[in-house]
């Protein structure tokens, strides 16, 4: 992609009403556009990052037999009344609207009820289970406040996975598989060392649910972490000594950390199956309710967390696997020979399957270098009259700042080692 063809432009300053670092950097670097508080549109660079994170999530969820579907945002109130979650007194963040015939509709904030109701048409026998379905779907939550950029959105993309199992034992085994899949996801997106398996309340379903909490001062949560075990307990449970012991932790070993929740997993028991009337016949022909689990990752929140954790004073520092491009190619002079050589490198890189952001704009070298740091692609290559004369081109590592010189053929073949 050439920067002269991008829809978005980089900015020296973020909007004055944007106080969160993640949104400031993503707006300035041209990844997102702010529509209003808690509502952001994706620009081309943002779409690239979203797609790469979605690919990682898909790979890890499908490795534990998740099957992708796509459900509607518009929700039938009757399904939610069955589970007692339509009432605003019970769920206070609904977005609700009406059809022209005055019938009520909701905009989905999660999909436990919907998927359970849907599967009544597809699950009849124990032979149909276990079943694991997931989706990437826009959720709507009427948050009272939204001051954390894309860490807390009113409209956002979520990966939600739902499991349906014949027995509680089968469900608990799958729950642990998903927990491991989540660990792999957070490792691959660059947050593995900072993200902790955290005991949280299971509500009416079980003793515990689990959150994946990432250390950052931008977070709104507090956890208490055992740094040796890499396991934590959240503030809500920390107040009770029995909860700490039940989680296999000792209060004296725990240190307080500021965090943001990047994922959560729940054992749901049979509550939603009973509410929606989802049954299956077991081996003996008796009707049973399946045991369910629910597993969420907010993709926008995950991106915001990555920016909070991995950025520096100059801008974003993307991990290689989720960077919008592999290489940021920069020309220093708007000279015919420089443009021609850079075009050869650009085409050569693309031919070798390397994704390139080509800064072909007619602006100063200083502005281009600032944008290299702001956008945060792992490697940059500089083409200038001098580099053409010497036959070597400067390659710089965004994370470390280290530089080396590489000849033309090493670059186009993807050798960016420093």
Protein backbone atom coordinates (compact mmCIF):
# COMPACT_ATOMS: atom_id res chain seq x y z
CA UNK A 1 0.00 0.00 0.00
CA UNK A 2 1.22 3.49 -0.83
CA UNK A 3 0.70 6.22 1.74
CA UNK A 4 -0.32 8.66 -0.99
CA UNK A 5 -3.35 6.40 -1.61
CA UNK A 6 -4.41 5.94 2.01
CA UNK A 7 -7.75 7.35 3.11
CA UNK A 8 -6.21 8.41 6.40
CA UNK A 9 -3.52 10.92 7.22
CA UNK A 10 -1.27 11.13 10.25
CA UNK A 11 -1.80 13.99 12.67
CA UNK A 12 0.52 15.95 14.93
CA UNK A 13 -2.15 16.26 17.61
CA UNK A 14 -5.03 14.08 18.78
CA UNK A 15 -8.52 15.55 19.33
CA UNK A 16 -8.59 17.74 22.44
CA UNK A 17 -11.44 15.74 23.96
CA UNK A 18 -9.50 12.44 23.70
CA UNK A 19 -7.67 11.75 26.97
CA UNK A 20 -6.71 8.07 26.59
CA UNK A 21 -3.26 7.28 25.25
CA UNK A 22 -4.46 4.34 23.13
CA UNK A 23 -6.99 6.43 21.20
CA UNK A 24 -4.67 9.44 20.94
CA UNK A 25 -1.97 7.36 19.25
CA UNK A 26 -4.35 5.35 17.07
CA UNK A 27 -6.07 8.53 15.86
CA UNK A 28 -2.80 10.38 15.25
CA UNK A 29 -1.32 7.41 13.38
CA UNK A 30 -4.41 7.02 11.19
CA UNK A 31 -5.76 3.70 12.48
CA UNK A 32 -9.15 4.87 13.78
CA UNK A 33 -11.59 7.78 13.51
CA UNK A 34 -13.59 8.97 16.50
CA UNK A 35 -17.31 9.29 15.76
CA UNK A 36 -18.28 10.11 19.35
CA UNK A 37 -17.35 8.99 22.88
CA UNK A 38 -17.02 5.20 22.88
CA UNK A 39 -17.65 4.87 19.13
CA UNK A 40 -14.77 4.58 16.66
CA UNK A 41 -14.52 3.74 12.95
CA UNK A 42 -11.66 1.72 11.52
CA UNK A 43 -9.43 3.28 8.88
CA UNK A 44 -7.32 1.14 6.46
CA UNK A 45 -4.41 0.62 8.87
CA UNK A 46 -6.84 -0.26 11.64
CA UNK A 47 -8.60 -2.82 9.45
CA UNK A 48 -5.24 -4.49 8.76
CA UNK A 49 -4.50 -4.89 12.48
CA UNK A 50 -8.05 -6.08 13.24
CA UNK A 51 -7.83 -8.70 10.50
CA UNK A 52 -4.50 -10.04 11.77
CA UNK A 53 -5.75 -10.33 15.34
CA UNK A 54 -8.94 -11.99 14.13
CA UNK A 55 -6.80 -14.49 12.18
CA UNK A 56 -4.85 -15.40 15.33
CA UNK A 57 -8.03 -15.81 17.35
CA UNK A 58 -9.64 -17.93 14.61
CA UNK A 59 -6.61 -20.22 14.45
CA UNK A 60 -6.51 -20.82 18.19
CA UNK A 61 -10.27 -21.20 18.64
CA UNK A 62 -10.59 -23.55 15.67
CA UNK A 63 -7.69 -25.56 17.11
CA UNK A 64 -10.08 -26.41 19.98
CA UNK A 65 -12.88 -27.28 17.52
CA UNK A 66 -14.69 -23.93 17.46
CA UNK A 67 -17.01 -23.54 14.44
CA UNK A 68 -17.68 -20.03 13.15
CA UNK A 69 -21.17 -18.61 12.73
CA UNK A 70 -22.54 -15.07 12.45
CA UNK A 71 -25.55 -13.95 14.47
CA UNK A 72 -27.75 -10.87 14.28
CA UNK A 73 -27.31 -7.72 16.33
CA UNK A 74 -31.09 -7.21 16.50
CA UNK A 75 -32.54 -9.18 19.41
CA UNK A 76 -36.01 -10.59 20.08
CA UNK A 77 -37.11 -9.45 23.57
CA UNK A 78 -39.03 -12.69 24.22
CA UNK A 79 -35.82 -14.73 24.20
CA UNK A 80 -34.30 -12.43 26.79
CA UNK A 81 -37.42 -12.28 28.93
CA UNK A 82 -37.17 -16.07 29.25
CA UNK A 83 -33.79 -15.70 30.99
CA UNK A 84 -34.87 -12.58 32.93
CA UNK A 85 -32.26 -10.36 31.27
CA UNK A 86 -34.55 -8.03 29.31
CA UNK A 87 -35.50 -5.94 32.34
CA UNK A 88 -33.39 -2.76 32.61
CA UNK A 89 -33.31 -3.30 36.37
CA UNK A 90 -31.44 -6.58 35.76
CA UNK A 91 -29.24 -5.45 32.84
CA UNK A 92 -28.55 -1.74 32.80
CA UNK A 93 -26.55 -1.37 29.58
CA UNK A 94 -29.11 -2.35 26.93
CA UNK A 95 -29.54 -0.32 23.77
CA UNK A 96 -33.21 -0.73 22.88
CA UNK A 97 -35.26 0.48 19.93
CA UNK A 98 -38.66 -0.08 18.30
CA UNK A 99 -39.96 -1.21 14.94
CA UNK A 100 -42.47 0.95 13.07
CA UNK A 101 -45.26 -1.24 14.45
CA UNK A 102 -44.08 -0.26 17.95
CA UNK A 103 -42.61 -3.71 18.71
CA UNK A 104 -39.52 -3.66 20.94
CA UNK A 105 -36.06 -4.71 19.78
CA UNK A 106 -32.71 -4.87 21.50
CA UNK A 107 -29.16 -4.50 20.19
CA UNK A 108 -27.16 -7.48 21.44
CA UNK A 109 -24.59 -6.91 24.19
CA UNK A 110 -23.85 -10.66 24.30
CA UNK A 111 -25.47 -13.74 22.71
CA UNK A 112 -26.00 -16.54 25.25
CA UNK A 113 -29.78 -16.45 24.85
CA UNK A 114 -29.72 -16.14 21.06
CA UNK A 115 -27.35 -19.01 20.38
CA UNK A 116 -29.15 -21.28 22.86
CA UNK A 117 -32.49 -20.54 21.21
CA UNK A 118 -31.00 -21.08 17.73
CA UNK A 119 -29.62 -24.50 18.62
CA UNK A 120 -33.09 -25.81 19.49
CA UNK A 121 -33.42 -26.33 15.73
CA UNK A 122 -30.14 -28.24 15.49
CA UNK A 123 -29.55 -30.20 18.72
CA UNK A 124 -31.75 -33.21 19.48
CA UNK A 125 -29.51 -36.09 20.53
CA UNK A 126 -26.39 -36.72 22.59
CA UNK A 127 -24.79 -37.46 19.19
CA UNK A 128 -25.09 -33.73 18.36
CA UNK A 129 -22.91 -32.79 21.35
CA UNK A 130 -20.44 -31.46 22.31
CA UNK A 131 -20.81 -28.39 20.12
CA UNK A 132 -18.63 -25.27 20.13
CA UNK A 133 -19.69 -22.21 18.12
CA UNK A 134 -18.09 -18.78 17.91
CA UNK A 135 -18.47 -15.53 16.04
CA UNK A 136 -16.94 -12.11 15.51
CA UNK A 137 -19.84 -9.75 15.98
CA UNK A 138 -20.52 -6.12 16.81
CA UNK A 139 -21.83 -5.66 20.34
CA UNK A 140 -23.64 -2.64 21.77
CA UNK A 141 -23.38 -1.61 25.40
CA UNK A 142 -24.94 1.55 26.78
CA UNK A 143 -22.03 2.44 29.05
CA UNK A 144 -22.61 5.26 31.51
CA UNK A 145 -19.17 6.64 30.73
CA UNK A 146 -16.63 5.99 28.02
CA UNK A 147 -13.35 7.78 28.68
CA UNK A 148 -10.79 5.05 27.98
CA UNK A 149 -10.64 5.19 24.19
CA UNK A 150 -11.18 1.78 22.62
CA UNK A 151 -10.66 0.06 25.99
CA UNK A 152 -14.35 0.69 26.76
CA UNK A 153 -16.60 1.11 23.76
CA UNK A 154 -20.34 1.51 23.32
CA UNK A 155 -20.07 -0.27 19.96
CA UNK A 156 -17.28 -2.82 19.52
CA UNK A 157 -16.30 -6.07 17.87
CA UNK A 158 -16.19 -9.14 20.09
CA UNK A 159 -15.18 -12.73 19.59
CA UNK A 160 -17.71 -14.75 21.58
CA UNK A 161 -17.53 -18.53 21.85
CA UNK A 162 -20.23 -20.77 23.35
CA UNK A 163 -19.83 -24.42 24.33
CA UNK A 164 -22.63 -26.99 24.72
CA UNK A 165 -21.68 -30.25 26.43
CA UNK A 166 -23.46 -33.43 27.51
CA UNK A 167 -22.04 -33.45 31.04
CA UNK A 168 -20.50 -31.06 33.51
CA UNK A 169 -17.23 -33.01 33.36
CA UNK A 170 -17.11 -32.61 29.58
CA UNK A 171 -17.76 -28.88 29.95
CA UNK A 172 -15.02 -28.41 32.57
CA UNK A 173 -12.47 -30.14 30.33
CA UNK A 174 -13.36 -27.88 27.42
CA UNK A 175 -13.18 -24.82 29.69
CA UNK A 176 -9.54 -25.63 30.43
CA UNK A 177 -8.82 -26.09 26.72
CA UNK A 178 -10.19 -22.62 25.98
CA UNK A 179 -8.13 -21.14 28.82
CA UNK A 180 -5.00 -22.57 27.16
CA UNK A 181 -6.14 -21.24 23.77
CA UNK A 182 -6.51 -17.78 25.31
CA UNK A 183 -3.00 -17.95 26.74
CA UNK A 184 -1.69 -18.69 23.24
CA UNK A 185 -3.69 -15.81 21.75
CA UNK A 186 -2.34 -13.27 24.22
CA UNK A 187 1.19 -14.60 23.77
CA UNK A 188 0.96 -14.24 19.99
CA UNK A 189 -0.33 -10.66 20.10
CA UNK A 190 2.55 -9.58 22.34
CA UNK A 191 0.85 -9.46 25.76
CA UNK A 192 1.80 -12.87 27.13
CA UNK A 193 4.20 -11.70 29.82
CA UNK A 194 1.85 -9.01 31.08
CA UNK A 195 -1.42 -10.98 31.00
CA UNK A 196 -2.52 -13.09 33.96
CA UNK A 197 -5.11 -15.82 34.56
CA UNK A 198 -7.29 -14.21 37.21
CA UNK A 199 -9.92 -15.70 39.50
CA UNK A 200 -13.20 -13.76 39.44
CA UNK A 201 -16.72 -14.35 40.70
CA UNK A 202 -18.73 -17.02 38.90
CA UNK A 203 -21.97 -15.30 39.92
CA UNK A 204 -24.91 -17.69 40.08
CA UNK A 205 -23.16 -20.29 37.89
CA UNK A 206 -20.10 -21.45 39.83
CA UNK A 207 -17.60 -20.49 42.51
CA UNK A 208 -15.26 -18.86 40.02
CA UNK A 209 -15.09 -17.53 36.52
CA UNK A 210 -11.78 -16.41 35.09
CA UNK A 211 -10.53 -13.18 33.58
CA UNK A 212 -7.38 -12.54 31.60
CA UNK A 213 -6.02 -9.29 33.00
CA UNK A 214 -3.17 -7.29 31.43
CA UNK A 215 -0.95 -5.01 33.49
CA UNK A 216 -1.23 -1.36 32.47
CA UNK A 217 -1.69 1.89 34.34
CA UNK A 218 -4.48 2.70 31.90
CA UNK A 219 -6.57 -0.13 33.30
CA UNK A 220 -9.72 0.30 35.37
CA UNK A 221 -9.32 -2.97 37.32
CA UNK A 222 -7.21 -4.07 40.27
CA UNK A 223 -5.86 -7.58 40.71
CA UNK A 224 -3.63 -9.26 43.29
CA UNK A 225 -0.95 -11.32 41.59
CA UNK A 226 1.27 -14.17 42.68
CA UNK A 227 4.31 -13.32 40.54
CA UNK A 228 5.78 -16.83 40.82
CA UNK A 229 2.62 -18.75 39.95
CA UNK A 230 1.51 -16.09 37.42
CA UNK A 231 -2.02 -16.42 38.81
CA UNK A 232 -4.11 -13.61 40.25
CA UNK A 233 -7.38 -12.89 42.03
CA UNK A 234 -9.46 -9.79 41.34
CA UNK A 235 -10.32 -7.11 43.86
CA UNK A 236 -13.90 -8.32 44.31
CA UNK A 237 -12.76 -11.73 45.57
CA UNK A 238 -9.65 -10.48 47.37
CA UNK A 239 -11.74 -9.09 50.22
CA UNK A 240 -12.57 -12.65 51.36
CA UNK A 241 -9.73 -14.78 52.72
CA UNK A 242 -11.65 -17.96 51.86
CA UNK A 243 -11.73 -16.98 48.19
CA UNK A 244 -7.95 -16.53 48.17
CA UNK A 245 -7.44 -19.99 49.67
CA UNK A 246 -9.97 -21.56 47.31
CA UNK A 247 -7.99 -20.11 44.40
CA UNK A 248 -4.86 -21.83 45.72
CA UNK A 249 -3.18 -18.55 46.66
CA UNK A 250 -1.68 -17.04 49.81
CA UNK A 251 -2.42 -13.42 50.69
CA UNK A 252 1.20 -12.78 51.74
CA UNK A 253 2.41 -13.74 48.23
CA UNK A 254 0.14 -11.32 46.36
CA UNK A 255 1.05 -7.91 44.95
CA UNK A 256 -1.42 -5.31 43.71
CA UNK A 257 -1.49 -4.53 39.99
CA UNK A 258 -3.47 -2.09 37.86
CA UNK A 259 -4.94 -3.95 34.89
CA UNK A 260 -7.41 -4.08 32.01
CA UNK A 261 -9.51 -7.17 31.32
CA UNK A 262 -8.77 -8.47 27.82
CA UNK A 263 -10.74 -11.72 28.01
CA UNK A 264 -13.10 -13.72 30.21
CA UNK A 265 -14.41 -17.26 30.43
CA UNK A 266 -17.47 -18.59 32.30
CA UNK A 267 -18.96 -21.97 33.14
CA UNK A 268 -22.70 -21.28 32.75
CA UNK A 269 -24.14 -24.55 33.98
CA UNK A 270 -27.61 -25.31 32.57
CA UNK A 271 -29.26 -21.94 33.27
CA UNK A 272 -29.67 -20.70 29.68
CA UNK A 273 -30.55 -24.14 28.31
CA UNK A 274 -33.33 -24.41 30.89
CA UNK A 275 -34.55 -20.85 30.24
CA UNK A 276 -34.71 -21.31 26.47
CA UNK A 277 -35.84 -24.93 26.49
CA UNK A 278 -32.79 -26.45 24.79
CA UNK A 279 -32.80 -30.22 25.46
CA UNK A 280 -31.19 -33.35 24.07
CA UNK A 281 -31.89 -37.05 24.51
CA UNK A 282 -29.13 -38.97 26.25
CA UNK A 283 -28.04 -42.57 25.50
CA UNK A 284 -31.02 -43.91 27.42
CA UNK A 285 -33.47 -41.62 25.59
CA UNK A 286 -34.02 -39.32 28.58
CA UNK A 287 -34.22 -35.57 27.98
CA UNK A 288 -31.37 -33.53 29.46
CA UNK A 289 -30.24 -29.91 29.43
CA UNK A 290 -26.68 -29.37 28.10
CA UNK A 291 -23.99 -27.69 30.19
CA UNK A 292 -22.76 -24.42 28.71
CA UNK A 293 -19.73 -22.18 28.73
CA UNK A 294 -19.20 -18.64 27.43
CA UNK A 295 -15.87 -17.13 26.38
CA UNK A 296 -15.26 -13.55 25.22
CA UNK A 297 -12.49 -11.36 23.81
CA UNK A 298 -13.14 -7.76 22.84
CA UNK A 299 -10.97 -7.24 19.77
CA UNK A 300 -11.00 -3.43 20.00
CA UNK A 301 -10.15 -3.52 23.68
CA UNK A 302 -7.31 -5.92 22.91
CA UNK A 303 -5.86 -3.51 20.33
CA UNK A 304 -6.17 -0.60 22.75
CA UNK A 305 -4.38 -2.61 25.43
CA UNK A 306 -1.56 -3.54 23.05
CA UNK A 307 -1.05 0.14 22.26
CA UNK A 308 -1.09 1.10 25.96
CA UNK A 309 1.43 -1.59 26.88
CA UNK A 310 3.79 -1.58 23.90
CA UNK A 311 3.96 2.06 22.80
CA UNK A 312 6.79 4.43 23.70
CA UNK A 313 7.24 8.20 23.74
CA UNK A 314 7.45 8.29 19.93
CA UNK A 315 4.41 6.19 19.06
CA UNK A 316 3.12 2.65 18.64
CA UNK A 317 5.39 -0.43 18.57
CA UNK A 318 3.49 -3.27 16.89
CA UNK A 319 4.52 -6.91 17.41
CA UNK A 320 5.43 -8.48 14.07
CA UNK A 321 2.48 -10.90 13.92
CA UNK A 322 -0.17 -8.17 14.15
CA UNK A 323 1.59 -5.21 12.55
CA UNK A 324 -0.40 -3.75 9.64
CA UNK A 325 2.68 -4.23 7.43
CA UNK A 326 6.04 -6.00 7.68
CA UNK A 327 8.10 -3.10 6.32
CA UNK A 328 7.78 0.68 6.18
CA UNK A 329 9.58 1.81 2.99
CA UNK A 330 10.65 5.46 2.95
CA UNK A 331 12.12 7.63 0.18
CA UNK A 332 14.04 10.70 1.29
CA UNK A 333 14.17 12.74 -1.90
CA UNK A 334 11.46 13.27 -4.46
CA UNK A 335 14.00 12.49 -7.19
CA UNK A 336 13.32 10.33 -10.24
CA UNK A 337 16.24 7.94 -9.61
CA UNK A 338 15.27 7.51 -5.92
CA UNK A 339 11.61 6.92 -6.76
CA UNK A 340 12.56 4.38 -9.43
CA UNK A 341 14.85 2.43 -7.08
CA UNK A 342 12.28 2.50 -4.27
CA UNK A 343 9.62 1.23 -6.67
CA UNK A 344 11.87 -1.72 -7.55
CA UNK A 345 12.30 -2.55 -3.86
CA UNK A 346 8.55 -2.16 -3.31
CA UNK A 347 7.70 -4.55 -6.13
CA UNK A 348 10.42 -7.00 -5.11
CA UNK A 349 9.19 -7.16 -1.52
CA UNK A 350 5.59 -7.70 -2.63
CA UNK A 351 6.72 -10.46 -5.01
CA UNK A 352 8.31 -12.24 -2.04
CA UNK A 353 5.11 -12.06 0.02
CA UNK A 354 6.27 -9.20 2.23
CA UNK A 355 3.66 -6.58 3.11
CA UNK A 356 4.92 -3.05 2.53
CA UNK A 357 3.72 0.41 3.49
CA UNK A 358 5.44 2.68 0.94
CA UNK A 359 5.80 6.32 2.00
CA UNK A 360 5.87 7.90 -1.43
CA UNK A 361 4.56 11.29 -0.25
CA UNK A 362 6.26 14.54 -1.24
CA UNK A 363 6.94 15.78 2.30
CA UNK A 364 10.08 16.38 4.36
CA UNK A 365 12.33 13.57 5.59
CA UNK A 366 11.73 14.69 9.19
CA UNK A 367 7.96 14.28 8.84
CA UNK A 368 8.41 10.84 7.32
CA UNK A 369 10.72 9.64 10.11
CA UNK A 370 8.27 10.87 12.74
CA UNK A 371 5.50 8.90 11.02
CA UNK A 372 7.69 5.78 10.93
CA UNK A 373 7.92 5.96 14.73
CA UNK A 374 4.28 6.94 15.18
CA UNK A 375 2.80 4.15 13.03
CA UNK A 376 5.12 1.56 14.58
CA UNK A 377 5.80 -1.04 11.85
CA UNK A 378 8.59 -3.40 13.05
CA UNK A 379 11.14 -2.63 10.30
CA UNK A 380 11.76 0.39 8.10
CA UNK A 381 13.92 0.72 4.97
CA UNK A 382 15.23 4.08 3.75
CA UNK A 383 15.99 4.80 0.09
CA UNK A 384 18.06 7.88 -0.72
CA UNK A 385 20.54 9.10 -3.35
CA UNK A 386 23.37 8.15 -1.04
CA UNK A 387 22.06 4.62 -0.42
CA UNK A 388 21.71 4.08 -4.19
CA UNK A 389 25.29 5.24 -4.75
CA UNK A 390 26.67 3.00 -1.98
CA UNK A 391 24.49 0.02 -2.91
CA UNK A 392 23.28 -0.38 0.68
CA UNK A 393 20.01 0.68 2.29
CA UNK A 394 19.38 1.55 5.92
CA UNK A 395 17.21 -0.94 7.83
CA UNK A 396 15.96 0.12 11.25
CA UNK A 397 14.26 -1.89 14.00
CA UNK A 398 11.34 0.10 15.46
CA UNK A 399 11.47 -1.59 18.88
CA UNK A 400 15.21 -1.39 19.59
CA UNK A 401 16.21 1.53 17.36
CA UNK A 402 19.12 -0.52 16.01
CA UNK A 403 20.19 0.06 12.39
CA UNK A 404 22.16 -1.81 9.76
CA UNK A 405 22.95 -1.55 6.05
CA UNK A 406 21.64 -4.13 3.59
CA UNK A 407 22.14 -4.55 -0.18
CA UNK A 408 19.21 -4.50 -2.58
CA UNK A 409 18.81 -8.26 -3.00
CA UNK A 410 18.93 -8.99 0.75
CA UNK A 411 16.10 -6.51 1.30
CA UNK A 412 13.78 -7.72 -1.45
CA UNK A 413 14.27 -11.30 -0.26
CA UNK A 414 13.15 -10.25 3.23
CA UNK A 415 16.45 -10.27 5.15
CA UNK A 416 15.90 -7.61 7.80
CA UNK A 417 18.16 -9.07 10.48
CA UNK A 418 20.08 -6.47 12.43
